[in-house]
């Protein structure tokens, strides 16, 4: 897991994850429960069931792929990589919109 250290004060470092660990845990558990990689419709359902913004879930998943913790496979099953520019290019007013996600018809799965 990737963590960044931040100085809270001169005496203590606090490590902060680069993604939302609770949302990752939710996605990881759902993938385990279903026994398969997750698709955009799964994330839509989770967002609705748990009253979570879909874009918050998806930003977490993009970040996990960027950090090499999860893998995204396109609709043909080919692994795709994302970088910071990919994620930044999807933002409209600092939020991912439904139309920004339409091209991601593949699946998302934890690497371990």
PDB file of N, CA and C in Angstrom:
ATOM      1  N   UNK A   1       0.835  -1.163   0.000  1.00  0.00           N
ATOM      2  CA  UNK A   1       0.000   0.000   0.000  1.00  0.00           C
ATOM      3  C   UNK A   1       0.887   1.235   0.000  1.00  0.00           C
ATOM      4  N   UNK A   2       0.537   2.212  -0.812  1.00  0.00           N
ATOM      5  CA  UNK A   2       1.289   3.452  -0.905  1.00  0.00           C
ATOM      6  C   UNK A   2       0.803   4.441   0.143  1.00  0.00           C
ATOM      7  N   UNK A   3       1.723   5.045   0.855  1.00  0.00           N
ATOM      8  CA  UNK A   3       1.391   6.046   1.865  1.00  0.00           C
ATOM      9  C   UNK A   3       2.307   7.241   1.688  1.00  0.00           C
ATOM     10  N   UNK A   4       1.827   8.409   2.020  1.00  0.00           N
ATOM     11  CA  UNK A   4       2.639   9.616   2.022  1.00  0.00           C
ATOM     12  C   UNK A   4       2.751  10.102   3.451  1.00  0.00           C
ATOM     13  N   UNK A   5       3.929  10.480   3.851  1.00  0.00           N
ATOM     14  CA  UNK A   5       4.129  11.014   5.198  1.00  0.00           C
ATOM     15  C   UNK A   5       3.945  12.527   5.168  1.00  0.00           C
ATOM     16  N   UNK A   6       3.226  13.021   6.120  1.00  0.00           N
ATOM     17  CA  UNK A   6       3.015  14.452   6.282  1.00  0.00           C
ATOM     18  C   UNK A   6       3.441  14.851   7.684  1.00  0.00           C
ATOM     19  N   UNK A   7       4.090  15.972   7.791  1.00  0.00           N
ATOM     20  CA  UNK A   7       4.471  16.495   9.101  1.00  0.00           C
ATOM     21  C   UNK A   7       3.246  17.121   9.761  1.00  0.00           C
ATOM     22  N   UNK A   8       2.871  16.594  10.922  1.00  0.00           N
ATOM     23  CA  UNK A   8       1.797  17.178  11.690  1.00  0.00           C
ATOM     24  C   UNK A   8       2.368  18.262  12.591  1.00  0.00           C
ATOM     25  N   UNK A   9       3.489  17.946  13.173  1.00  0.00           N
ATOM     26  CA  UNK A   9       4.247  18.927  13.942  1.00  0.00           C
ATOM     27  C   UNK A   9       5.694  18.467  13.921  1.00  0.00           C
ATOM     28  N   UNK A  10       6.549  19.150  14.582  1.00  0.00           N
ATOM     29  CA  UNK A  10       7.971  18.826  14.542  1.00  0.00           C
ATOM     30  C   UNK A  10       8.283  17.474  15.163  1.00  0.00           C
ATOM     31  N   UNK A  11       7.371  16.932  15.941  1.00  0.00           N
ATOM     32  CA  UNK A  11       7.642  15.702  16.681  1.00  0.00           C
ATOM     33  C   UNK A  11       7.034  14.456  16.044  1.00  0.00           C
ATOM     34  N   UNK A  12       6.116  14.603  15.084  1.00  0.00           N
ATOM     35  CA  UNK A  12       5.356  13.442  14.637  1.00  0.00           C
ATOM     36  C   UNK A  12       5.091  13.475  13.133  1.00  0.00           C
ATOM     37  N   UNK A  13       5.272  12.345  12.471  1.00  0.00           N
ATOM     38  CA  UNK A  13       4.863  12.162  11.082  1.00  0.00           C
ATOM     39  C   UNK A  13       3.572  11.351  11.075  1.00  0.00           C
ATOM     40  N   UNK A  14       2.645  11.717  10.215  1.00  0.00           N
ATOM     41  CA  UNK A  14       1.417  10.960  10.042  1.00  0.00           C
ATOM     42  C   UNK A  14       1.388  10.514   8.588  1.00  0.00           C
ATOM     43  N   UNK A  15       1.110   9.238   8.371  1.00  0.00           N
ATOM     44  CA  UNK A  15       1.051   8.736   7.001  1.00  0.00           C
ATOM     45  C   UNK A  15      -0.394   8.761   6.513  1.00  0.00           C
ATOM     46  N   UNK A  16      -0.570   9.287   5.302  1.00  0.00           N
ATOM     47  CA  UNK A  16      -1.885   9.432   4.704  1.00  0.00           C
ATOM     48  C   UNK A  16      -1.886   8.632   3.401  1.00  0.00           C
ATOM     49  N   UNK A  17      -2.908   7.806   3.222  1.00  0.00           N
ATOM     50  CA  UNK A  17      -3.034   7.025   2.002  1.00  0.00           C
ATOM     51  C   UNK A  17      -3.322   7.944   0.824  1.00  0.00           C
ATOM     52  N   UNK A  18      -2.897   7.520  -0.368  1.00  0.00           N
ATOM     53  CA  UNK A  18      -3.166   8.289  -1.583  1.00  0.00           C
ATOM     54  C   UNK A  18      -4.576   8.029  -2.112  1.00  0.00           C
ATOM     55  N   UNK A  19      -5.317   7.144  -1.482  1.00  0.00           N
ATOM     56  CA  UNK A  19      -6.693   6.855  -1.892  1.00  0.00           C
ATOM     57  C   UNK A  19      -7.530   6.645  -0.644  1.00  0.00           C
ATOM     58  N   UNK A  20      -8.827   6.555  -0.840  1.00  0.00           N
ATOM     59  CA  UNK A  20      -9.750   6.354   0.270  1.00  0.00           C
ATOM     60  C   UNK A  20      -9.750   4.868   0.632  1.00  0.00           C
ATOM     61  N   UNK A  21      -9.155   4.537   1.762  1.00  0.00           N
ATOM     62  CA  UNK A  21      -9.007   3.134   2.146  1.00  0.00           C
ATOM     63  C   UNK A  21     -10.351   2.480   2.443  1.00  0.00           C
ATOM     64  N   UNK A  22     -11.331   3.242   2.919  1.00  0.00           N
ATOM     65  CA  UNK A  22     -12.658   2.677   3.180  1.00  0.00           C
ATOM     66  C   UNK A  22     -13.340   2.304   1.868  1.00  0.00           C
ATOM     67  N   UNK A  23     -13.198   3.144   0.849  1.00  0.00           N
ATOM     68  CA  UNK A  23     -13.799   2.824  -0.448  1.00  0.00           C
ATOM     69  C   UNK A  23     -13.086   1.654  -1.104  1.00  0.00           C
ATOM     70  N   UNK A  24     -11.774   1.580  -0.923  1.00  0.00           N
ATOM     71  CA  UNK A  24     -11.068   0.411  -1.449  1.00  0.00           C
ATOM     72  C   UNK A  24     -11.564  -0.853  -0.759  1.00  0.00           C
ATOM     73  N   UNK A  25     -11.716  -0.811   0.546  1.00  0.00           N
ATOM     74  CA  UNK A  25     -12.193  -1.981   1.293  1.00  0.00           C
ATOM     75  C   UNK A  25     -13.586  -2.393   0.828  1.00  0.00           C
ATOM     76  N   UNK A  26     -14.451  -1.422   0.584  1.00  0.00           N
ATOM     77  CA  UNK A  26     -15.797  -1.711   0.087  1.00  0.00           C
ATOM     78  C   UNK A  26     -15.729  -2.415  -1.267  1.00  0.00           C
ATOM     79  N   UNK A  27     -14.914  -1.887  -2.174  1.00  0.00           N
ATOM     80  CA  UNK A  27     -14.776  -2.484  -3.507  1.00  0.00           C
ATOM     81  C   UNK A  27     -14.138  -3.868  -3.425  1.00  0.00           C
ATOM     82  N   UNK A  28     -13.113  -3.997  -2.609  1.00  0.00           N
ATOM     83  CA  UNK A  28     -12.424  -5.280  -2.468  1.00  0.00           C
ATOM     84  C   UNK A  28     -13.373  -6.348  -1.925  1.00  0.00           C
ATOM     85  N   UNK A  29     -14.165  -5.997  -0.919  1.00  0.00           N
ATOM     86  CA  UNK A  29     -15.116  -6.939  -0.335  1.00  0.00           C
ATOM     87  C   UNK A  29     -16.201  -7.327  -1.337  1.00  0.00           C
ATOM     88  N   UNK A  30     -16.663  -6.350  -2.111  1.00  0.00           N
ATOM     89  CA  UNK A  30     -17.686  -6.654  -3.120  1.00  0.00           C
ATOM     90  C   UNK A  30     -17.124  -7.583  -4.194  1.00  0.00           C
ATOM     91  N   UNK A  31     -15.903  -7.369  -4.600  1.00  0.00           N
ATOM     92  CA  UNK A  31     -15.267  -8.247  -5.584  1.00  0.00           C
ATOM     93  C   UNK A  31     -15.136  -9.665  -5.026  1.00  0.00           C
ATOM     94  N   UNK A  32     -14.736  -9.765  -3.767  1.00  0.00           N
ATOM     95  CA  UNK A  32     -14.648 -11.091  -3.125  1.00  0.00           C
ATOM     96  C   UNK A  32     -16.015 -11.752  -3.030  1.00  0.00           C
ATOM     97  N   UNK A  33     -17.004 -10.976  -2.620  1.00  0.00           N
ATOM     98  CA  UNK A  33     -18.359 -11.512  -2.461  1.00  0.00           C
ATOM     99  C   UNK A  33     -18.908 -12.037  -3.786  1.00  0.00           C
ATOM    100  N   UNK A  34     -18.672 -11.292  -4.862  1.00  0.00           N
ATOM    101  CA  UNK A  34     -19.160 -11.689  -6.181  1.00  0.00           C
ATOM    102  C   UNK A  34     -18.261 -12.722  -6.856  1.00  0.00           C
ATOM    103  N   UNK A  35     -17.016 -12.820  -6.395  1.00  0.00           N
ATOM    104  CA  UNK A  35     -16.075 -13.767  -6.988  1.00  0.00           C
ATOM    105  C   UNK A  35     -15.603 -13.370  -8.374  1.00  0.00           C
ATOM    106  N   UNK A  36     -15.549 -12.059  -8.626  1.00  0.00           N
ATOM    107  CA  UNK A  36     -15.133 -11.582  -9.948  1.00  0.00           C
ATOM    108  C   UNK A  36     -14.674 -10.136  -9.867  1.00  0.00           C
ATOM    109  N   UNK A  37     -14.110  -9.692 -10.976  1.00  0.00           N
ATOM    110  CA  UNK A  37     -13.749  -8.282 -11.104  1.00  0.00           C
ATOM    111  C   UNK A  37     -15.033  -7.455 -11.146  1.00  0.00           C
ATOM    112  N   UNK A  38     -14.914  -6.177 -10.806  1.00  0.00           N
ATOM    113  CA  UNK A  38     -16.078  -5.299 -10.774  1.00  0.00           C
ATOM    114  C   UNK A  38     -16.161  -4.450 -12.034  1.00  0.00           C
ATOM    115  N   UNK A  39     -17.381  -4.105 -12.376  1.00  0.00           N
ATOM    116  CA  UNK A  39     -17.646  -3.268 -13.542  1.00  0.00           C
ATOM    117  C   UNK A  39     -18.292  -1.963 -13.075  1.00  0.00           C
ATOM    118  N   UNK A  40     -18.412  -1.030 -13.964  1.00  0.00           N
ATOM    119  CA  UNK A  40     -18.971   0.271 -13.635  1.00  0.00           C
ATOM    120  C   UNK A  40     -20.366   0.147 -13.007  1.00  0.00           C
ATOM    121  N   UNK A  41     -21.190  -0.761 -13.513  1.00  0.00           N
ATOM    122  CA  UNK A  41     -22.527  -0.954 -12.930  1.00  0.00           C
ATOM    123  C   UNK A  41     -22.443  -1.412 -11.477  1.00  0.00           C
ATOM    124  N   UNK A  42     -21.437  -2.205 -11.139  1.00  0.00           N
ATOM    125  CA  UNK A  42     -21.251  -2.613  -9.740  1.00  0.00           C
ATOM    126  C   UNK A  42     -20.957  -1.397  -8.870  1.00  0.00           C
ATOM    127  N   UNK A  43     -20.117  -0.498  -9.365  1.00  0.00           N
ATOM    128  CA  UNK A  43     -19.787   0.700  -8.606  1.00  0.00           C
ATOM    129  C   UNK A  43     -20.987   1.635  -8.488  1.00  0.00           C
ATOM    130  N   UNK A  44     -21.803   1.703  -9.532  1.00  0.00           N
ATOM    131  CA  UNK A  44     -23.035   2.505  -9.459  1.00  0.00           C
ATOM    132  C   UNK A  44     -23.957   1.957  -8.369  1.00  0.00           C
ATOM    133  N   UNK A  45     -24.117   0.650  -8.340  1.00  0.00           N
ATOM    134  CA  UNK A  45     -24.970   0.012  -7.337  1.00  0.00           C
ATOM    135  C   UNK A  45     -24.432   0.254  -5.934  1.00  0.00           C
ATOM    136  N   UNK A  46     -23.118   0.066  -5.753  1.00  0.00           N
ATOM    137  CA  UNK A  46     -22.516   0.304  -4.433  1.00  0.00           C
ATOM    138  C   UNK A  46     -22.714   1.751  -3.991  1.00  0.00           C
ATOM    139  N   UNK A  47     -22.545   2.681  -4.915  1.00  0.00           N
ATOM    140  CA  UNK A  47     -22.726   4.096  -4.589  1.00  0.00           C
ATOM    141  C   UNK A  47     -24.152   4.346  -4.109  1.00  0.00           C
ATOM    142  N   UNK A  48     -25.114   3.777  -4.813  1.00  0.00           N
ATOM    143  CA  UNK A  48     -26.512   3.973  -4.440  1.00  0.00           C
ATOM    144  C   UNK A  48     -26.834   3.280  -3.111  1.00  0.00           C
ATOM    145  N   UNK A  49     -26.382   2.047  -2.943  1.00  0.00           N
ATOM    146  CA  UNK A  49     -26.673   1.289  -1.723  1.00  0.00           C
ATOM    147  C   UNK A  49     -26.098   1.944  -0.477  1.00  0.00           C
ATOM    148  N   UNK A  50     -24.924   2.570  -0.620  1.00  0.00           N
ATOM    149  CA  UNK A  50     -24.225   3.115   0.540  1.00  0.00           C
ATOM    150  C   UNK A  50     -24.237   4.644   0.590  1.00  0.00           C
ATOM    151  N   UNK A  51     -25.035   5.265  -0.292  1.00  0.00           N
ATOM    152  CA  UNK A  51     -25.140   6.730  -0.343  1.00  0.00           C
ATOM    153  C   UNK A  51     -23.760   7.383  -0.440  1.00  0.00           C
ATOM    154  N   UNK A  52     -22.987   6.891  -1.403  1.00  0.00           N
ATOM    155  CA  UNK A  52     -21.637   7.394  -1.667  1.00  0.00           C
ATOM    156  C   UNK A  52     -21.654   7.971  -3.077  1.00  0.00           C
ATOM    157  N   UNK A  53     -20.910   9.032  -3.289  1.00  0.00           N
ATOM    158  CA  UNK A  53     -20.808   9.597  -4.635  1.00  0.00           C
ATOM    159  C   UNK A  53     -20.041   8.626  -5.527  1.00  0.00           C
ATOM    160  N   UNK A  54     -20.602   8.338  -6.702  1.00  0.00           N
ATOM    161  CA  UNK A  54     -19.940   7.449  -7.654  1.00  0.00           C
ATOM    162  C   UNK A  54     -18.555   7.979  -8.000  1.00  0.00           C
ATOM    163  N   UNK A  55     -18.417   9.275  -8.191  1.00  0.00           N
ATOM    164  CA  UNK A  55     -17.108   9.792  -8.579  1.00  0.00           C
ATOM    165  C   UNK A  55     -16.076   9.593  -7.476  1.00  0.00           C
ATOM    166  N   UNK A  56     -16.476   9.599  -6.208  1.00  0.00           N
ATOM    167  CA  UNK A  56     -15.524   9.320  -5.132  1.00  0.00           C
ATOM    168  C   UNK A  56     -15.004   7.891  -5.222  1.00  0.00           C
ATOM    169  N   UNK A  57     -15.904   6.964  -5.508  1.00  0.00           N
ATOM    170  CA  UNK A  57     -15.485   5.569  -5.680  1.00  0.00           C
ATOM    171  C   UNK A  57     -14.536   5.449  -6.864  1.00  0.00           C
ATOM    172  N   UNK A  58     -14.903   6.072  -7.984  1.00  0.00           N
ATOM    173  CA  UNK A  58     -14.114   5.914  -9.196  1.00  0.00           C
ATOM    174  C   UNK A  58     -12.755   6.608  -9.097  1.00  0.00           C
ATOM    175  N   UNK A  59     -12.677   7.749  -8.446  1.00  0.00           N
ATOM    176  CA  UNK A  59     -11.376   8.392  -8.243  1.00  0.00           C
ATOM    177  C   UNK A  59     -10.479   7.460  -7.438  1.00  0.00           C
ATOM    178  N   UNK A  60     -11.054   6.816  -6.430  1.00  0.00           N
ATOM    179  CA  UNK A  60     -10.287   5.846  -5.640  1.00  0.00           C
ATOM    180  C   UNK A  60      -9.787   4.714  -6.524  1.00  0.00           C
ATOM    181  N   UNK A  61     -10.647   4.179  -7.390  1.00  0.00           N
ATOM    182  CA  UNK A  61     -10.229   3.074  -8.258  1.00  0.00           C
ATOM    183  C   UNK A  61      -9.165   3.506  -9.257  1.00  0.00           C
ATOM    184  N   UNK A  62      -9.312   4.682  -9.834  1.00  0.00           N
ATOM    185  CA  UNK A  62      -8.273   5.185 -10.739  1.00  0.00           C
ATOM    186  C   UNK A  62      -6.946   5.322 -10.002  1.00  0.00           C
ATOM    187  N   UNK A  63      -7.003   5.868  -8.796  1.00  0.00           N
ATOM    188  CA  UNK A  63      -5.780   6.036  -8.007  1.00  0.00           C
ATOM    189  C   UNK A  63      -5.146   4.683  -7.693  1.00  0.00           C
ATOM    190  N   UNK A  64      -5.956   3.694  -7.393  1.00  0.00           N
ATOM    191  CA  UNK A  64      -5.438   2.352  -7.117  1.00  0.00           C
ATOM    192  C   UNK A  64      -4.746   1.754  -8.338  1.00  0.00           C
ATOM    193  N   UNK A  65      -5.289   1.998  -9.524  1.00  0.00           N
ATOM    194  CA  UNK A  65      -4.648   1.521 -10.754  1.00  0.00           C
ATOM    195  C   UNK A  65      -3.344   2.285 -10.983  1.00  0.00           C
ATOM    196  N   UNK A  66      -3.370   3.588 -10.794  1.00  0.00           N
ATOM    197  CA  UNK A  66      -2.152   4.395 -10.961  1.00  0.00           C
ATOM    198  C   UNK A  66      -1.049   3.878 -10.054  1.00  0.00           C
ATOM    199  N   UNK A  67      -1.394   3.512  -8.832  1.00  0.00           N
ATOM    200  CA  UNK A  67      -0.412   3.057  -7.847  1.00  0.00           C
ATOM    201  C   UNK A  67      -0.061   1.575  -7.991  1.00  0.00           C
ATOM    202  N   UNK A  68      -0.695   0.866  -8.932  1.00  0.00           N
ATOM    203  CA  UNK A  68      -0.375  -0.538  -9.169  1.00  0.00           C
ATOM    204  C   UNK A  68      -0.992  -1.505  -8.173  1.00  0.00           C
ATOM    205  N   UNK A  69      -2.002  -1.044  -7.428  1.00  0.00           N
ATOM    206  CA  UNK A  69      -2.674  -1.900  -6.452  1.00  0.00           C
ATOM    207  C   UNK A  69      -3.837  -2.674  -7.065  1.00  0.00           C
ATOM    208  N   UNK A  70      -4.468  -2.104  -8.060  1.00  0.00           N
ATOM    209  CA  UNK A  70      -5.568  -2.728  -8.791  1.00  0.00           C
ATOM    210  C   UNK A  70      -5.213  -2.697 -10.274  1.00  0.00           C
ATOM    211  N   UNK A  71      -5.950  -3.484 -11.048  1.00  0.00           N
ATOM    212  CA  UNK A  71      -5.752  -3.506 -12.497  1.00  0.00           C
ATOM    213  C   UNK A  71      -7.093  -3.224 -13.167  1.00  0.00           C
ATOM    214  N   UNK A  72      -7.019  -2.476 -14.254  1.00  0.00           N
ATOM    215  CA  UNK A  72      -8.195  -2.237 -15.089  1.00  0.00           C
ATOM    216  C   UNK A  72      -7.979  -2.960 -16.402  1.00  0.00           C
ATOM    217  N   UNK A  73      -8.972  -3.739 -16.807  1.00  0.00           N
ATOM    218  CA  UNK A  73      -8.943  -4.427 -18.106  1.00  0.00           C
ATOM    219  C   UNK A  73     -10.080  -3.871 -18.955  1.00  0.00           C
ATOM    220  N   UNK A  74      -9.759  -3.529 -20.197  1.00  0.00           N
ATOM    221  CA  UNK A  74     -10.786  -3.001 -21.085  1.00  0.00           C
ATOM    222  C   UNK A  74     -11.769  -4.104 -21.453  1.00  0.00           C
ATOM    223  N   UNK A  75     -12.768  -3.778 -22.249  1.00  0.00           N
ATOM    224  CA  UNK A  75     -13.824  -4.735 -22.601  1.00  0.00           C
ATOM    225  C   UNK A  75     -13.287  -5.979 -23.306  1.00  0.00           C
ATOM    226  N   UNK A  76     -12.122  -5.862 -23.943  1.00  0.00           N
ATOM    227  CA  UNK A  76     -11.511  -7.016 -24.619  1.00  0.00           C
ATOM    228  C   UNK A  76     -10.601  -7.805 -23.686  1.00  0.00           C
ATOM    229  N   UNK A  77     -10.457  -7.353 -22.444  1.00  0.00           N
ATOM    230  CA  UNK A  77      -9.627  -8.065 -21.474  1.00  0.00           C
ATOM    231  C   UNK A  77      -8.178  -7.625 -21.424  1.00  0.00           C
ATOM    232  N   UNK A  78      -7.836  -6.573 -22.142  1.00  0.00           N
ATOM    233  CA  UNK A  78      -6.459  -6.065 -22.152  1.00  0.00           C
ATOM    234  C   UNK A  78      -6.216  -5.144 -20.958  1.00  0.00           C
ATOM    235  N   UNK A  79      -5.138  -5.401 -20.232  1.00  0.00           N
ATOM    236  CA  UNK A  79      -4.785  -4.550 -19.096  1.00  0.00           C
ATOM    237  C   UNK A  79      -4.450  -3.153 -19.602  1.00  0.00           C
ATOM    238  N   UNK A  80      -4.964  -2.155 -18.912  1.00  0.00           N
ATOM    239  CA  UNK A  80      -4.719  -0.759 -19.257  1.00  0.00           C
ATOM    240  C   UNK A  80      -4.036  -0.076 -18.080  1.00  0.00           C
ATOM    241  N   UNK A  81      -3.153   0.838 -18.370  1.00  0.00           N
ATOM    242  CA  UNK A  81      -2.515   1.606 -17.313  1.00  0.00           C
ATOM    243  C   UNK A  81      -3.035   3.032 -17.367  1.00  0.00           C
ATOM    244  N   UNK A  82      -3.052   3.653 -16.217  1.00  0.00           N
ATOM    245  CA  UNK A  82      -3.444   5.048 -16.104  1.00  0.00           C
ATOM    246  C   UNK A  82      -2.307   5.793 -15.445  1.00  0.00           C
ATOM    247  N   UNK A  83      -2.206   7.059 -15.754  1.00  0.00           N
ATOM    248  CA  UNK A  83      -1.270   7.919 -15.036  1.00  0.00           C
ATOM    249  C   UNK A  83      -2.046   9.119 -14.513  1.00  0.00           C
ATOM    250  N   UNK A  84      -1.366   9.974 -13.825  1.00  0.00           N
ATOM    251  CA  UNK A  84      -2.020  11.145 -13.225  1.00  0.00           C
ATOM    252  C   UNK A  84      -2.715  11.981 -14.292  1.00  0.00           C
ATOM    253  N   UNK A  85      -2.119  12.109 -15.483  1.00  0.00           N
ATOM    254  CA  UNK A  85      -2.733  12.892 -16.556  1.00  0.00           C
ATOM    255  C   UNK A  85      -4.057  12.286 -17.006  1.00  0.00           C
ATOM    256  N   UNK A  86      -4.144  10.950 -17.006  1.00  0.00           N
ATOM    257  CA  UNK A  86      -5.398  10.288 -17.369  1.00  0.00           C
ATOM    258  C   UNK A  86      -6.508  10.725 -16.425  1.00  0.00           C
ATOM    259  N   UNK A  87      -6.236  10.629 -15.144  1.00  0.00           N
ATOM    260  CA  UNK A  87      -7.245  10.998 -14.146  1.00  0.00           C
ATOM    261  C   UNK A  87      -7.558  12.490 -14.211  1.00  0.00           C
ATOM    262  N   UNK A  88      -6.536  13.309 -14.272  1.00  0.00           N
ATOM    263  CA  UNK A  88      -6.754  14.755 -14.322  1.00  0.00           C
ATOM    264  C   UNK A  88      -7.567  15.166 -15.555  1.00  0.00           C
ATOM    265  N   UNK A  89      -7.359  14.471 -16.669  1.00  0.00           N
ATOM    266  CA  UNK A  89      -8.077  14.781 -17.897  1.00  0.00           C
ATOM    267  C   UNK A  89      -9.554  14.439 -17.848  1.00  0.00           C
ATOM    268  N   UNK A  90      -9.961  13.605 -16.896  1.00  0.00           N
ATOM    269  CA  UNK A  90     -11.368  13.221 -16.776  1.00  0.00           C
ATOM    270  C   UNK A  90     -12.189  14.197 -15.945  1.00  0.00           C
ATOM    271  N   UNK A  91     -11.529  14.998 -15.156  1.00  0.00           N
ATOM    272  CA  UNK A  91     -12.238  15.905 -14.245  1.00  0.00           C
ATOM    273  C   UNK A  91     -12.950  17.032 -14.982  1.00  0.00           C
ATOM    274  N   UNK A  92     -14.169  17.293 -14.560  1.00  0.00           N
ATOM    275  CA  UNK A  92     -14.916  18.480 -14.966  1.00  0.00           C
ATOM    276  C   UNK A  92     -15.346  19.128 -13.653  1.00  0.00           C
ATOM    277  N   UNK A  93     -14.898  20.339 -13.436  1.00  0.00           N
ATOM    278  CA  UNK A  93     -15.190  21.025 -12.176  1.00  0.00           C
ATOM    279  C   UNK A  93     -14.773  20.199 -10.963  1.00  0.00           C
ATOM    280  N   UNK A  94     -13.639  19.515 -11.076  1.00  0.00           N
ATOM    281  CA  UNK A  94     -13.045  18.710  -9.999  1.00  0.00           C
ATOM    282  C   UNK A  94     -13.903  17.525  -9.567  1.00  0.00           C
ATOM    283  N   UNK A  95     -14.841  17.112 -10.381  1.00  0.00           N
ATOM    284  CA  UNK A  95     -15.647  15.926 -10.130  1.00  0.00           C
ATOM    285  C   UNK A  95     -15.747  15.130 -11.415  1.00  0.00           C
ATOM    286  N   UNK A  96     -15.706  13.807 -11.292  1.00  0.00           N
ATOM    287  CA  UNK A  96     -15.953  12.972 -12.460  1.00  0.00           C
ATOM    288  C   UNK A  96     -17.447  12.957 -12.725  1.00  0.00           C
ATOM    289  N   UNK A  97     -17.810  13.098 -13.966  1.00  0.00           N
ATOM    290  CA  UNK A  97     -19.210  13.069 -14.375  1.00  0.00           C
ATOM    291  C   UNK A  97     -19.509  11.712 -15.025  1.00  0.00           C
ATOM    292  N   UNK A  98     -20.773  11.355 -15.074  1.00  0.00           N
ATOM    293  CA  UNK A  98     -21.185  10.088 -15.669  1.00  0.00           C
ATOM    294  C   UNK A  98     -20.631   9.929 -17.088  1.00  0.00           C
ATOM    295  N   UNK A  99     -20.698  10.982 -17.889  1.00  0.00           N
ATOM    296  CA  UNK A  99     -20.202  10.894 -19.272  1.00  0.00           C
ATOM    297  C   UNK A  99     -18.685  10.674 -19.327  1.00  0.00           C
ATOM    298  N   UNK A 100     -17.960  11.094 -18.289  1.00  0.00           N
ATOM    299  CA  UNK A 100     -16.514  10.872 -18.247  1.00  0.00           C
ATOM    300  C   UNK A 100     -16.181   9.396 -18.083  1.00  0.00           C
ATOM    301  N   UNK A 101     -17.107   8.646 -17.516  1.00  0.00           N
ATOM    302  CA  UNK A 101     -16.853   7.240 -17.196  1.00  0.00           C
ATOM    303  C   UNK A 101     -17.351   6.277 -18.269  1.00  0.00           C
ATOM    304  N   UNK A 102     -18.107   6.756 -19.232  1.00  0.00           N
ATOM    305  CA  UNK A 102     -18.736   5.894 -20.234  1.00  0.00           C
ATOM    306  C   UNK A 102     -17.748   5.042 -21.025  1.00  0.00           C
ATOM    307  N   UNK A 103     -16.545   5.518 -21.222  1.00  0.00           N
ATOM    308  CA  UNK A 103     -15.559   4.769 -22.010  1.00  0.00           C
ATOM    309  C   UNK A 103     -14.977   3.585 -21.239  1.00  0.00           C
ATOM    310  N   UNK A 104     -15.209   3.524 -19.933  1.00  0.00           N
ATOM    311  CA  UNK A 104     -14.603   2.482 -19.101  1.00  0.00           C
ATOM    312  C   UNK A 104     -15.572   1.318 -18.929  1.00  0.00           C
ATOM    313  N   UNK A 105     -15.689   0.540 -20.000  1.00  0.00           N
ATOM    314  CA  UNK A 105     -16.640  -0.578 -20.050  1.00  0.00           C
ATOM    315  C   UNK A 105     -16.019  -1.899 -19.623  1.00  0.00           C
ATOM    316  N   UNK A 106     -14.789  -1.834 -19.155  1.00  0.00           N
ATOM    317  CA  UNK A 106     -14.075  -3.044 -18.735  1.00  0.00           C
ATOM    318  C   UNK A 106     -14.304  -3.370 -17.272  1.00  0.00           C
ATOM    319  N   UNK A 107     -13.301  -3.982 -16.652  1.00  0.00           N
ATOM    320  CA  UNK A 107     -13.431  -4.444 -15.266  1.00  0.00           C
ATOM    321  C   UNK A 107     -12.232  -4.026 -14.426  1.00  0.00           C
ATOM    322  N   UNK A 108     -12.466  -3.963 -13.125  1.00  0.00           N
ATOM    323  CA  UNK A 108     -11.493  -3.506 -12.139  1.00  0.00           C
ATOM    324  C   UNK A 108     -11.295  -4.606 -11.114  1.00  0.00           C
ATOM    325  N   UNK A 109     -10.030  -4.904 -10.791  1.00  0.00           N
ATOM    326  CA  UNK A 109      -9.765  -5.988  -9.832  1.00  0.00           C
ATOM    327  C   UNK A 109      -8.486  -5.713  -9.051  1.00  0.00           C
ATOM    328  N   UNK A 110      -8.535  -6.070  -7.780  1.00  0.00           N
ATOM    329  CA  UNK A 110      -7.347  -5.922  -6.929  1.00  0.00           C
ATOM    330  C   UNK A 110      -6.254  -6.856  -7.428  1.00  0.00           C
ATOM    331  N   UNK A 111      -5.012  -6.418  -7.283  1.00  0.00           N
ATOM    332  CA  UNK A 111      -3.866  -7.219  -7.737  1.00  0.00           C
ATOM    333  C   UNK A 111      -3.589  -8.374  -6.791  1.00  0.00           C
ATOM    334  N   UNK A 112      -3.993  -8.267  -5.554  1.00  0.00           N
ATOM    335  CA  UNK A 112      -3.746  -9.372  -4.614  1.00  0.00           C
ATOM    336  C   UNK A 112      -4.938  -9.627  -3.753  1.00  0.00           C
TER     337      UNK A 112
END
